[in-house]
């Protein structure tokens, strides 16, 4: 699995504003999805978006694994109700309870050591 720079503007409109930090995650020639993140320290990233090309196909876990394979030890981010179930299932810890009514998301942290494949 590899994380490669996203070269095509407009692949997904959420990335248009930050193409410099947007990437495709590929398994061989197959594109699993897209991620937008930036380093906050040498071993930590803040993830803006993690978007599977085909949601529900089980590509989320390999996508997260590919980020850890880049050498990062911690992934930080925020998630709204619904997507937070994915992050909880892979071992992320949320700062507060995630509520359905919140639209801004709740911050989480996922350590390589607690990542559950």
PDB file of N, CA and C in Angstrom:
ATOM      1  N   UNK A   1       0.836  -1.165   0.000  1.00  0.00           N
ATOM      2  CA  UNK A   1       0.000   0.000   0.000  1.00  0.00           C
ATOM      3  C   UNK A   1       0.884   1.233   0.000  1.00  0.00           C
ATOM      4  N   UNK A   2       0.462   2.246  -0.736  1.00  0.00           N
ATOM      5  CA  UNK A   2       1.270   3.452  -0.788  1.00  0.00           C
ATOM      6  C   UNK A   2       0.398   4.701  -0.731  1.00  0.00           C
ATOM      7  N   UNK A   3       0.984   5.755  -0.212  1.00  0.00           N
ATOM      8  CA  UNK A   3       0.342   7.060  -0.173  1.00  0.00           C
ATOM      9  C   UNK A   3       1.080   7.910  -1.191  1.00  0.00           C
ATOM     10  N   UNK A   4       0.360   8.387  -2.197  1.00  0.00           N
ATOM     11  CA  UNK A   4       0.992   9.149  -3.275  1.00  0.00           C
ATOM     12  C   UNK A   4       0.353  10.525  -3.384  1.00  0.00           C
ATOM     13  N   UNK A   5       1.145  11.536  -3.750  1.00  0.00           N
ATOM     14  CA  UNK A   5       0.572  12.884  -3.886  1.00  0.00           C
ATOM     15  C   UNK A   5      -0.586  12.889  -4.877  1.00  0.00           C
ATOM     16  N   UNK A   6      -1.569  13.668  -4.553  1.00  0.00           N
ATOM     17  CA  UNK A   6      -2.733  13.806  -5.408  1.00  0.00           C
ATOM     18  C   UNK A   6      -2.425  14.860  -6.457  1.00  0.00           C
ATOM     19  N   UNK A   7      -2.289  14.446  -7.690  1.00  0.00           N
ATOM     20  CA  UNK A   7      -1.847  15.348  -8.743  1.00  0.00           C
ATOM     21  C   UNK A   7      -2.992  16.018  -9.492  1.00  0.00           C
ATOM     22  N   UNK A   8      -4.172  15.430  -9.431  1.00  0.00           N
ATOM     23  CA  UNK A   8      -5.274  15.956 -10.220  1.00  0.00           C
ATOM     24  C   UNK A   8      -6.186  16.831  -9.368  1.00  0.00           C
ATOM     25  N   UNK A   9      -6.228  18.104  -9.693  1.00  0.00           N
ATOM     26  CA  UNK A   9      -7.122  19.005  -8.982  1.00  0.00           C
ATOM     27  C   UNK A   9      -8.557  18.616  -9.307  1.00  0.00           C
ATOM     28  N   UNK A  10      -9.395  18.617  -8.300  1.00  0.00           N
ATOM     29  CA  UNK A  10     -10.801  18.350  -8.522  1.00  0.00           C
ATOM     30  C   UNK A  10     -11.196  16.897  -8.415  1.00  0.00           C
ATOM     31  N   UNK A  11     -10.261  16.003  -8.038  1.00  0.00           N
ATOM     32  CA  UNK A  11     -10.639  14.598  -7.859  1.00  0.00           C
ATOM     33  C   UNK A  11     -11.771  14.514  -6.845  1.00  0.00           C
ATOM     34  N   UNK A  12     -11.661  15.278  -5.810  1.00  0.00           N
ATOM     35  CA  UNK A  12     -12.749  15.389  -4.853  1.00  0.00           C
ATOM     36  C   UNK A  12     -12.745  16.814  -4.346  1.00  0.00           C
ATOM     37  N   UNK A  13     -13.881  17.478  -4.408  1.00  0.00           N
ATOM     38  CA  UNK A  13     -13.913  18.914  -4.130  1.00  0.00           C
ATOM     39  C   UNK A  13     -13.431  19.290  -2.732  1.00  0.00           C
ATOM     40  N   UNK A  14     -13.455  18.383  -1.769  1.00  0.00           N
ATOM     41  CA  UNK A  14     -12.982  18.737  -0.432  1.00  0.00           C
ATOM     42  C   UNK A  14     -11.481  18.979  -0.413  1.00  0.00           C
ATOM     43  N   UNK A  15     -10.769  18.477  -1.411  1.00  0.00           N
ATOM     44  CA  UNK A  15      -9.327  18.640  -1.436  1.00  0.00           C
ATOM     45  C   UNK A  15      -8.881  19.865  -2.220  1.00  0.00           C
ATOM     46  N   UNK A  16      -9.781  20.474  -2.965  1.00  0.00           N
ATOM     47  CA  UNK A  16      -9.386  21.577  -3.838  1.00  0.00           C
ATOM     48  C   UNK A  16      -8.669  22.694  -3.101  1.00  0.00           C
ATOM     49  N   UNK A  17      -9.048  22.952  -1.847  1.00  0.00           N
ATOM     50  CA  UNK A  17      -8.436  24.037  -1.102  1.00  0.00           C
ATOM     51  C   UNK A  17      -7.064  23.704  -0.555  1.00  0.00           C
ATOM     52  N   UNK A  18      -6.692  22.455  -0.486  1.00  0.00           N
ATOM     53  CA  UNK A  18      -5.431  22.067   0.127  1.00  0.00           C
ATOM     54  C   UNK A  18      -4.777  20.929  -0.653  1.00  0.00           C
ATOM     55  N   UNK A  19      -4.514  21.160  -1.917  1.00  0.00           N
ATOM     56  CA  UNK A  19      -3.928  20.120  -2.758  1.00  0.00           C
ATOM     57  C   UNK A  19      -2.534  19.721  -2.292  1.00  0.00           C
ATOM     58  N   UNK A  20      -1.822  20.644  -1.671  1.00  0.00           N
ATOM     59  CA  UNK A  20      -0.457  20.362  -1.219  1.00  0.00           C
ATOM     60  C   UNK A  20      -0.412  19.249  -0.178  1.00  0.00           C
ATOM     61  N   UNK A  21      -1.480  19.100   0.613  1.00  0.00           N
ATOM     62  CA  UNK A  21      -1.517  18.099   1.676  1.00  0.00           C
ATOM     63  C   UNK A  21      -2.499  16.966   1.380  1.00  0.00           C
ATOM     64  N   UNK A  22      -2.895  16.823   0.124  1.00  0.00           N
ATOM     65  CA  UNK A  22      -3.870  15.813  -0.269  1.00  0.00           C
ATOM     66  C   UNK A  22      -3.185  14.668  -1.004  1.00  0.00           C
ATOM     67  N   UNK A  23      -3.638  13.454  -0.728  1.00  0.00           N
ATOM     68  CA  UNK A  23      -2.976  12.271  -1.260  1.00  0.00           C
ATOM     69  C   UNK A  23      -3.997  11.209  -1.640  1.00  0.00           C
ATOM     70  N   UNK A  24      -3.598  10.371  -2.605  1.00  0.00           N
ATOM     71  CA  UNK A  24      -4.332   9.150  -2.919  1.00  0.00           C
ATOM     72  C   UNK A  24      -3.677   8.028  -2.123  1.00  0.00           C
ATOM     73  N   UNK A  25      -4.473   7.090  -1.706  1.00  0.00           N
ATOM     74  CA  UNK A  25      -3.930   5.884  -1.083  1.00  0.00           C
ATOM     75  C   UNK A  25      -4.243   4.744  -2.039  1.00  0.00           C
ATOM     76  N   UNK A  26      -3.181   4.088  -2.502  1.00  0.00           N
ATOM     77  CA  UNK A  26      -3.320   3.046  -3.515  1.00  0.00           C
ATOM     78  C   UNK A  26      -2.798   1.715  -2.995  1.00  0.00           C
ATOM     79  N   UNK A  27      -3.424   0.670  -3.445  1.00  0.00           N
ATOM     80  CA  UNK A  27      -2.935  -0.692  -3.241  1.00  0.00           C
ATOM     81  C   UNK A  27      -2.625  -1.213  -4.630  1.00  0.00           C
ATOM     82  N   UNK A  28      -1.358  -1.160  -4.998  1.00  0.00           N
ATOM     83  CA  UNK A  28      -0.981  -1.457  -6.373  1.00  0.00           C
ATOM     84  C   UNK A  28      -1.519  -0.359  -7.267  1.00  0.00           C
ATOM     85  N   UNK A  29      -2.319  -0.725  -8.250  1.00  0.00           N
ATOM     86  CA  UNK A  29      -2.927   0.259  -9.149  1.00  0.00           C
ATOM     87  C   UNK A  29      -4.317   0.701  -8.681  1.00  0.00           C
ATOM     88  N   UNK A  30      -4.867  -0.001  -7.692  1.00  0.00           N
ATOM     89  CA  UNK A  30      -6.218   0.314  -7.210  1.00  0.00           C
ATOM     90  C   UNK A  30      -6.189   1.484  -6.231  1.00  0.00           C
ATOM     91  N   UNK A  31      -6.981   2.502  -6.501  1.00  0.00           N
ATOM     92  CA  UNK A  31      -7.118   3.637  -5.589  1.00  0.00           C
ATOM     93  C   UNK A  31      -8.138   3.249  -4.518  1.00  0.00           C
ATOM     94  N   UNK A  32      -7.666   3.205  -3.261  1.00  0.00           N
ATOM     95  CA  UNK A  32      -8.570   2.882  -2.158  1.00  0.00           C
ATOM     96  C   UNK A  32      -9.340   4.104  -1.703  1.00  0.00           C
ATOM     97  N   UNK A  33      -8.669   5.257  -1.735  1.00  0.00           N
ATOM     98  CA  UNK A  33      -9.338   6.462  -1.276  1.00  0.00           C
ATOM     99  C   UNK A  33      -8.396   7.637  -1.247  1.00  0.00           C
ATOM    100  N   UNK A  34      -8.827   8.659  -0.512  1.00  0.00           N
ATOM    101  CA  UNK A  34      -8.112   9.922  -0.475  1.00  0.00           C
ATOM    102  C   UNK A  34      -7.964  10.382   0.967  1.00  0.00           C
ATOM    103  N   UNK A  35      -6.875  11.076   1.224  1.00  0.00           N
ATOM    104  CA  UNK A  35      -6.621  11.592   2.558  1.00  0.00           C
ATOM    105  C   UNK A  35      -6.022  12.991   2.436  1.00  0.00           C
ATOM    106  N   UNK A  36      -6.367  13.832   3.369  1.00  0.00           N
ATOM    107  CA  UNK A  36      -5.777  15.159   3.463  1.00  0.00           C
ATOM    108  C   UNK A  36      -5.269  15.297   4.896  1.00  0.00           C
ATOM    109  N   UNK A  37      -3.956  15.511   5.050  1.00  0.00           N
ATOM    110  CA  UNK A  37      -3.387  15.624   6.385  1.00  0.00           C
ATOM    111  C   UNK A  37      -2.151  16.514   6.341  1.00  0.00           C
ATOM    112  N   UNK A  38      -1.722  16.933   7.524  1.00  0.00           N
ATOM    113  CA  UNK A  38      -0.452  17.654   7.642  1.00  0.00           C
ATOM    114  C   UNK A  38       0.233  17.236   8.936  1.00  0.00           C
ATOM    115  N   UNK A  39       1.541  17.316   8.933  1.00  0.00           N
ATOM    116  CA  UNK A  39       2.318  16.968  10.123  1.00  0.00           C
ATOM    117  C   UNK A  39       2.189  18.072  11.158  1.00  0.00           C
ATOM    118  N   UNK A  40       1.994  17.666  12.408  1.00  0.00           N
ATOM    119  CA  UNK A  40       2.012  18.635  13.506  1.00  0.00           C
ATOM    120  C   UNK A  40       3.287  18.472  14.328  1.00  0.00           C
ATOM    121  N   UNK A  41       3.945  17.336  14.162  1.00  0.00           N
ATOM    122  CA  UNK A  41       5.274  17.071  14.726  1.00  0.00           C
ATOM    123  C   UNK A  41       5.858  15.937  13.885  1.00  0.00           C
ATOM    124  N   UNK A  42       7.140  15.613  14.065  1.00  0.00           N
ATOM    125  CA  UNK A  42       7.733  14.569  13.215  1.00  0.00           C
ATOM    126  C   UNK A  42       7.017  13.212  13.265  1.00  0.00           C
ATOM    127  N   UNK A  43       6.325  12.894  14.332  1.00  0.00           N
ATOM    128  CA  UNK A  43       5.670  11.587  14.447  1.00  0.00           C
ATOM    129  C   UNK A  43       4.146  11.672  14.545  1.00  0.00           C
ATOM    130  N   UNK A  44       3.581  12.886  14.362  1.00  0.00           N
ATOM    131  CA  UNK A  44       2.141  13.086  14.534  1.00  0.00           C
ATOM    132  C   UNK A  44       1.561  13.827  13.340  1.00  0.00           C
ATOM    133  N   UNK A  45       0.379  13.392  12.910  1.00  0.00           N
ATOM    134  CA  UNK A  45      -0.329  14.101  11.849  1.00  0.00           C
ATOM    135  C   UNK A  45      -1.720  14.506  12.333  1.00  0.00           C
ATOM    136  N   UNK A  46      -2.233  15.564  11.727  1.00  0.00           N
ATOM    137  CA  UNK A  46      -3.633  15.962  11.888  1.00  0.00           C
ATOM    138  C   UNK A  46      -4.315  15.611  10.579  1.00  0.00           C
ATOM    139  N   UNK A  47      -5.338  14.791  10.670  1.00  0.00           N
ATOM    140  CA  UNK A  47      -6.033  14.341   9.475  1.00  0.00           C
ATOM    141  C   UNK A  47      -7.276  15.214   9.276  1.00  0.00           C
ATOM    142  N   UNK A  48      -7.364  15.802   8.095  1.00  0.00           N
ATOM    143  CA  UNK A  48      -8.520  16.623   7.741  1.00  0.00           C
ATOM    144  C   UNK A  48      -9.638  15.743   7.198  1.00  0.00           C
ATOM    145  N   UNK A  49      -9.283  14.851   6.275  1.00  0.00           N
ATOM    146  CA  UNK A  49     -10.262  13.969   5.653  1.00  0.00           C
ATOM    147  C   UNK A  49      -9.636  12.616   5.379  1.00  0.00           C
ATOM    148  N   UNK A  50     -10.419  11.588   5.554  1.00  0.00           N
ATOM    149  CA  UNK A  50     -10.077  10.240   5.108  1.00  0.00           C
ATOM    150  C   UNK A  50     -11.324   9.752   4.397  1.00  0.00           C
ATOM    151  N   UNK A  51     -11.226   9.571   3.105  1.00  0.00           N
ATOM    152  CA  UNK A  51     -12.404   9.272   2.303  1.00  0.00           C
ATOM    153  C   UNK A  51     -12.152   8.054   1.430  1.00  0.00           C
ATOM    154  N   UNK A  52     -12.858   6.975   1.712  1.00  0.00           N
ATOM    155  CA  UNK A  52     -12.740   5.778   0.884  1.00  0.00           C
ATOM    156  C   UNK A  52     -13.390   6.034  -0.469  1.00  0.00           C
ATOM    157  N   UNK A  53     -12.776   5.553  -1.516  1.00  0.00           N
ATOM    158  CA  UNK A  53     -13.343   5.708  -2.858  1.00  0.00           C
ATOM    159  C   UNK A  53     -14.671   4.973  -2.950  1.00  0.00           C
ATOM    160  N   UNK A  54     -14.729   3.798  -2.317  1.00  0.00           N
ATOM    161  CA  UNK A  54     -15.958   3.010  -2.286  1.00  0.00           C
ATOM    162  C   UNK A  54     -16.290   2.696  -0.823  1.00  0.00           C
ATOM    163  N   UNK A  55     -17.032   3.586  -0.147  1.00  0.00           N
ATOM    164  CA  UNK A  55     -17.373   3.343   1.256  1.00  0.00           C
ATOM    165  C   UNK A  55     -18.062   1.991   1.452  1.00  0.00           C
ATOM    166  N   UNK A  56     -17.762   1.363   2.583  1.00  0.00           N
ATOM    167  CA  UNK A  56     -18.372   0.085   2.917  1.00  0.00           C
ATOM    168  C   UNK A  56     -17.646  -1.126   2.351  1.00  0.00           C
ATOM    169  N   UNK A  57     -16.524  -0.921   1.662  1.00  0.00           N
ATOM    170  CA  UNK A  57     -15.777  -2.030   1.060  1.00  0.00           C
ATOM    171  C   UNK A  57     -14.611  -2.501   1.937  1.00  0.00           C
ATOM    172  N   UNK A  58     -14.461  -1.925   3.142  1.00  0.00           N
ATOM    173  CA  UNK A  58     -13.396  -2.352   4.041  1.00  0.00           C
ATOM    174  C   UNK A  58     -12.041  -1.719   3.771  1.00  0.00           C
ATOM    175  N   UNK A  59     -12.011  -0.600   3.064  1.00  0.00           N
ATOM    176  CA  UNK A  59     -10.733   0.034   2.741  1.00  0.00           C
ATOM    177  C   UNK A  59     -10.236   1.001   3.813  1.00  0.00           C
ATOM    178  N   UNK A  60     -11.071   1.352   4.766  1.00  0.00           N
ATOM    179  CA  UNK A  60     -10.678   2.321   5.796  1.00  0.00           C
ATOM    180  C   UNK A  60      -9.493   1.870   6.628  1.00  0.00           C
ATOM    181  N   UNK A  61      -9.520   0.638   7.106  1.00  0.00           N
ATOM    182  CA  UNK A  61      -8.434   0.134   7.944  1.00  0.00           C
ATOM    183  C   UNK A  61      -7.105   0.105   7.173  1.00  0.00           C
ATOM    184  N   UNK A  62      -7.069  -0.444   5.948  1.00  0.00           N
ATOM    185  CA  UNK A  62      -5.807  -0.400   5.202  1.00  0.00           C
ATOM    186  C   UNK A  62      -5.329   1.034   4.930  1.00  0.00           C
ATOM    187  N   UNK A  63      -6.267   1.960   4.768  1.00  0.00           N
ATOM    188  CA  UNK A  63      -5.878   3.346   4.531  1.00  0.00           C
ATOM    189  C   UNK A  63      -5.185   3.929   5.764  1.00  0.00           C
ATOM    190  N   UNK A  64      -5.735   3.676   6.936  1.00  0.00           N
ATOM    191  CA  UNK A  64      -5.106   4.157   8.169  1.00  0.00           C
ATOM    192  C   UNK A  64      -3.757   3.475   8.363  1.00  0.00           C
ATOM    193  N   UNK A  65      -3.708   2.176   8.109  1.00  0.00           N
ATOM    194  CA  UNK A  65      -2.456   1.433   8.236  1.00  0.00           C
ATOM    195  C   UNK A  65      -1.372   2.028   7.339  1.00  0.00           C
ATOM    196  N   UNK A  66      -1.744   2.446   6.146  1.00  0.00           N
ATOM    197  CA  UNK A  66      -0.755   3.033   5.237  1.00  0.00           C
ATOM    198  C   UNK A  66      -0.176   4.325   5.805  1.00  0.00           C
ATOM    199  N   UNK A  67      -0.965   5.084   6.561  1.00  0.00           N
ATOM    200  CA  UNK A  67      -0.440   6.303   7.193  1.00  0.00           C
ATOM    201  C   UNK A  67       0.556   5.954   8.294  1.00  0.00           C
ATOM    202  N   UNK A  68       0.244   4.947   9.098  1.00  0.00           N
ATOM    203  CA  UNK A  68       1.188   4.512  10.120  1.00  0.00           C
ATOM    204  C   UNK A  68       2.453   3.942   9.481  1.00  0.00           C
ATOM    205  N   UNK A  69       2.322   3.312   8.329  1.00  0.00           N
ATOM    206  CA  UNK A  69       3.490   2.760   7.638  1.00  0.00           C
ATOM    207  C   UNK A  69       4.441   3.839   7.141  1.00  0.00           C
ATOM    208  N   UNK A  70       3.986   5.074   7.103  1.00  0.00           N
ATOM    209  CA  UNK A  70       4.863   6.192   6.733  1.00  0.00           C
ATOM    210  C   UNK A  70       5.777   6.597   7.893  1.00  0.00           C
ATOM    211  N   UNK A  71       5.558   5.990   9.071  1.00  0.00           N
ATOM    212  CA  UNK A  71       6.412   6.271  10.217  1.00  0.00           C
ATOM    213  C   UNK A  71       5.771   7.106  11.302  1.00  0.00           C
ATOM    214  N   UNK A  72       4.514   7.462  11.129  1.00  0.00           N
ATOM    215  CA  UNK A  72       3.832   8.249  12.156  1.00  0.00           C
ATOM    216  C   UNK A  72       3.432   7.356  13.324  1.00  0.00           C
ATOM    217  N   UNK A  73       3.417   7.946  14.509  1.00  0.00           N
ATOM    218  CA  UNK A  73       3.044   7.222  15.723  1.00  0.00           C
ATOM    219  C   UNK A  73       1.659   7.622  16.238  1.00  0.00           C
ATOM    220  N   UNK A  74       1.160   8.781  15.782  1.00  0.00           N
ATOM    221  CA  UNK A  74      -0.123   9.286  16.273  1.00  0.00           C
ATOM    222  C   UNK A  74      -0.868   9.980  15.128  1.00  0.00           C
ATOM    223  N   UNK A  75      -2.167   9.705  15.081  1.00  0.00           N
ATOM    224  CA  UNK A  75      -3.063  10.410  14.172  1.00  0.00           C
ATOM    225  C   UNK A  75      -4.076  11.149  15.026  1.00  0.00           C
ATOM    226  N   UNK A  76      -4.150  12.455  14.848  1.00  0.00           N
ATOM    227  CA  UNK A  76      -5.153  13.277  15.510  1.00  0.00           C
ATOM    228  C   UNK A  76      -6.140  13.761  14.467  1.00  0.00           C
ATOM    229  N   UNK A  77      -7.342  14.068  14.893  1.00  0.00           N
ATOM    230  CA  UNK A  77      -8.348  14.589  13.987  1.00  0.00           C
ATOM    231  C   UNK A  77      -9.629  14.865  14.725  1.00  0.00           C
ATOM    232  N   UNK A  78     -10.696  15.060  13.986  1.00  0.00           N
ATOM    233  CA  UNK A  78     -12.023  15.194  14.591  1.00  0.00           C
ATOM    234  C   UNK A  78     -13.024  14.489  13.688  1.00  0.00           C
ATOM    235  N   UNK A  79     -14.093  14.029  14.294  1.00  0.00           N
ATOM    236  CA  UNK A  79     -15.118  13.306  13.538  1.00  0.00           C
ATOM    237  C   UNK A  79     -16.488  13.650  14.091  1.00  0.00           C
ATOM    238  N   UNK A  80     -17.461  13.645  13.194  1.00  0.00           N
ATOM    239  CA  UNK A  80     -18.839  13.846  13.601  1.00  0.00           C
ATOM    240  C   UNK A  80     -19.480  12.494  13.880  1.00  0.00           C
ATOM    241  N   UNK A  81     -20.686  12.548  14.428  1.00  0.00           N
ATOM    242  CA  UNK A  81     -21.442  11.336  14.715  1.00  0.00           C
ATOM    243  C   UNK A  81     -21.631  10.557  13.411  1.00  0.00           C
ATOM    244  N   UNK A  82     -21.434   9.292  13.473  1.00  0.00           N
ATOM    245  CA  UNK A  82     -21.519   8.419  12.291  1.00  0.00           C
ATOM    246  C   UNK A  82     -20.129   7.962  11.924  1.00  0.00           C
ATOM    247  N   UNK A  83     -19.323   8.840  11.293  1.00  0.00           N
ATOM    248  CA  UNK A  83     -17.947   8.457  10.992  1.00  0.00           C
ATOM    249  C   UNK A  83     -17.121   8.147  12.242  1.00  0.00           C
ATOM    250  N   UNK A  84     -17.549   8.671  13.385  1.00  0.00           N
ATOM    251  CA  UNK A  84     -16.788   8.409  14.611  1.00  0.00           C
ATOM    252  C   UNK A  84     -16.790   6.926  14.973  1.00  0.00           C
ATOM    253  N   UNK A  85     -17.806   6.178  14.520  1.00  0.00           N
ATOM    254  CA  UNK A  85     -17.840   4.743  14.815  1.00  0.00           C
ATOM    255  C   UNK A  85     -16.634   4.041  14.187  1.00  0.00           C
ATOM    256  N   UNK A  86     -16.264   4.430  12.973  1.00  0.00           N
ATOM    257  CA  UNK A  86     -15.073   3.860  12.340  1.00  0.00           C
ATOM    258  C   UNK A  86     -13.851   4.112  13.207  1.00  0.00           C
ATOM    259  N   UNK A  87     -13.665   5.369  13.600  1.00  0.00           N
ATOM    260  CA  UNK A  87     -12.471   5.719  14.381  1.00  0.00           C
ATOM    261  C   UNK A  87     -12.450   5.002  15.725  1.00  0.00           C
ATOM    262  N   UNK A  88     -13.594   4.878  16.362  1.00  0.00           N
ATOM    263  CA  UNK A  88     -13.668   4.143  17.628  1.00  0.00           C
ATOM    264  C   UNK A  88     -13.307   2.675  17.406  1.00  0.00           C
ATOM    265  N   UNK A  89     -13.800   2.076  16.339  1.00  0.00           N
ATOM    266  CA  UNK A  89     -13.535   0.665  16.041  1.00  0.00           C
ATOM    267  C   UNK A  89     -12.062   0.379  15.790  1.00  0.00           C
ATOM    268  N   UNK A  90     -11.315   1.358  15.295  1.00  0.00           N
ATOM    269  CA  UNK A  90      -9.895   1.116  15.036  1.00  0.00           C
ATOM    270  C   UNK A  90      -9.018   1.534  16.220  1.00  0.00           C
ATOM    271  N   UNK A  91      -9.635   1.986  17.320  1.00  0.00           N
ATOM    272  CA  UNK A  91      -8.879   2.253  18.539  1.00  0.00           C
ATOM    273  C   UNK A  91      -8.709   3.709  18.928  1.00  0.00           C
ATOM    274  N   UNK A  92      -9.334   4.621  18.198  1.00  0.00           N
ATOM    275  CA  UNK A  92      -9.203   6.046  18.539  1.00  0.00           C
ATOM    276  C   UNK A  92      -9.922   6.350  19.852  1.00  0.00           C
ATOM    277  N   UNK A  93      -9.389   7.330  20.558  1.00  0.00           N
ATOM    278  CA  UNK A  93      -9.990   7.793  21.799  1.00  0.00           C
ATOM    279  C   UNK A  93     -10.450   9.229  21.579  1.00  0.00           C
ATOM    280  N   UNK A  94     -11.720   9.486  21.877  1.00  0.00           N
ATOM    281  CA  UNK A  94     -12.294  10.810  21.711  1.00  0.00           C
ATOM    282  C   UNK A  94     -12.187  11.613  23.005  1.00  0.00           C
ATOM    283  N   UNK A  95     -11.959  12.917  22.867  1.00  0.00           N
ATOM    284  CA  UNK A  95     -11.833  13.795  24.031  1.00  0.00           C
ATOM    285  C   UNK A  95     -13.148  13.935  24.775  1.00  0.00           C
ATOM    286  N   UNK A  96     -14.248  13.940  24.053  1.00  0.00           N
ATOM    287  CA  UNK A  96     -15.585  14.074  24.635  1.00  0.00           C
ATOM    288  C   UNK A  96     -16.508  13.065  23.979  1.00  0.00           C
ATOM    289  N   UNK A  97     -17.696  12.926  24.556  1.00  0.00           N
ATOM    290  CA  UNK A  97     -18.698  12.065  23.943  1.00  0.00           C
ATOM    291  C   UNK A  97     -19.137  12.695  22.621  1.00  0.00           C
ATOM    292  N   UNK A  98     -19.265  11.883  21.596  1.00  0.00           N
ATOM    293  CA  UNK A  98     -19.683  12.370  20.285  1.00  0.00           C
ATOM    294  C   UNK A  98     -21.207  12.388  20.254  1.00  0.00           C
ATOM    295  N   UNK A  99     -21.758  13.564  19.988  1.00  0.00           N
ATOM    296  CA  UNK A  99     -23.211  13.722  19.993  1.00  0.00           C
ATOM    297  C   UNK A  99     -23.735  13.932  18.584  1.00  0.00           C
ATOM    298  N   UNK A 100     -24.916  13.411  18.341  1.00  0.00           N
ATOM    299  CA  UNK A 100     -25.521  13.511  17.014  1.00  0.00           C
ATOM    300  C   UNK A 100     -25.734  14.947  16.562  1.00  0.00           C
ATOM    301  N   UNK A 101     -26.006  15.839  17.495  1.00  0.00           N
ATOM    302  CA  UNK A 101     -26.337  17.222  17.150  1.00  0.00           C
ATOM    303  C   UNK A 101     -25.125  18.071  16.799  1.00  0.00           C
ATOM    304  N   UNK A 102     -23.923  17.616  17.121  1.00  0.00           N
ATOM    305  CA  UNK A 102     -22.730  18.416  16.856  1.00  0.00           C
ATOM    306  C   UNK A 102     -22.343  18.327  15.385  1.00  0.00           C
ATOM    307  N   UNK A 103     -22.079  19.472  14.787  1.00  0.00           N
ATOM    308  CA  UNK A 103     -21.694  19.505  13.380  1.00  0.00           C
ATOM    309  C   UNK A 103     -20.214  19.794  13.191  1.00  0.00           C
ATOM    310  N   UNK A 104     -19.538  20.238  14.245  1.00  0.00           N
ATOM    311  CA  UNK A 104     -18.120  20.570  14.143  1.00  0.00           C
ATOM    312  C   UNK A 104     -17.215  19.375  14.371  1.00  0.00           C
ATOM    313  N   UNK A 105     -17.720  18.320  14.920  1.00  0.00           N
ATOM    314  CA  UNK A 105     -16.910  17.142  15.190  1.00  0.00           C
ATOM    315  C   UNK A 105     -16.280  17.198  16.566  1.00  0.00           C
ATOM    316  N   UNK A 106     -15.829  16.063  17.011  1.00  0.00           N
ATOM    317  CA  UNK A 106     -15.177  15.905  18.305  1.00  0.00           C
ATOM    318  C   UNK A 106     -13.772  15.387  18.049  1.00  0.00           C
ATOM    319  N   UNK A 107     -12.813  15.952  18.762  1.00  0.00           N
ATOM    320  CA  UNK A 107     -11.402  15.596  18.554  1.00  0.00           C
ATOM    321  C   UNK A 107     -11.105  14.184  19.048  1.00  0.00           C
ATOM    322  N   UNK A 108     -10.220  13.512  18.303  1.00  0.00           N
ATOM    323  CA  UNK A 108      -9.784  12.168  18.690  1.00  0.00           C
ATOM    324  C   UNK A 108      -8.283  12.038  18.495  1.00  0.00           C
ATOM    325  N   UNK A 109      -7.761  10.976  19.085  1.00  0.00           N
ATOM    326  CA  UNK A 109      -6.360  10.630  18.925  1.00  0.00           C
ATOM    327  C   UNK A 109      -6.264   9.118  18.741  1.00  0.00           C
ATOM    328  N   UNK A 110      -5.433   8.702  17.798  1.00  0.00           N
ATOM    329  CA  UNK A 110      -5.222   7.272  17.549  1.00  0.00           C
ATOM    330  C   UNK A 110      -3.716   7.019  17.553  1.00  0.00           C
ATOM    331  N   UNK A 111      -3.264   6.148  18.430  1.00  0.00           N
ATOM    332  CA  UNK A 111      -1.859   5.786  18.515  1.00  0.00           C
ATOM    333  C   UNK A 111      -1.589   4.523  17.716  1.00  0.00           C
ATOM    334  N   UNK A 112      -0.404   4.459  17.139  1.00  0.00           N
ATOM    335  CA  UNK A 112      -0.013   3.243  16.421  1.00  0.00           C
ATOM    336  C   UNK A 112      -0.131   2.027  17.351  1.00  0.00           C
ATOM    337  N   UNK A 113       0.231   2.193  18.618  1.00  0.00           N
ATOM    338  CA  UNK A 113       0.218   1.076  19.559  1.00  0.00           C
ATOM    339  C   UNK A 113      -1.181   0.598  19.915  1.00  0.00           C
ATOM    340  N   UNK A 114      -2.205   1.433  19.720  1.00  0.00           N
ATOM    341  CA  UNK A 114      -3.572   1.031  20.042  1.00  0.00           C
ATOM    342  C   UNK A 114      -4.427   0.827  18.795  1.00  0.00           C
ATOM    343  N   UNK A 115      -3.798   0.981  17.612  1.00  0.00           N
ATOM    344  CA  UNK A 115      -4.509   0.794  16.348  1.00  0.00           C
ATOM    345  C   UNK A 115      -4.945  -0.658  16.220  1.00  0.00           C
ATOM    346  N   UNK A 116      -6.233  -0.844  16.001  1.00  0.00           N
ATOM    347  CA  UNK A 116      -6.804  -2.183  15.902  1.00  0.00           C
ATOM    348  C   UNK A 116      -7.175  -2.465  14.449  1.00  0.00           C
ATOM    349  N   UNK A 117      -6.468  -3.411  13.858  1.00  0.00           N
ATOM    350  CA  UNK A 117      -6.728  -3.746  12.457  1.00  0.00           C
ATOM    351  C   UNK A 117      -7.911  -4.622  12.353  1.00  0.00           C
TER     352      UNK A 117
END
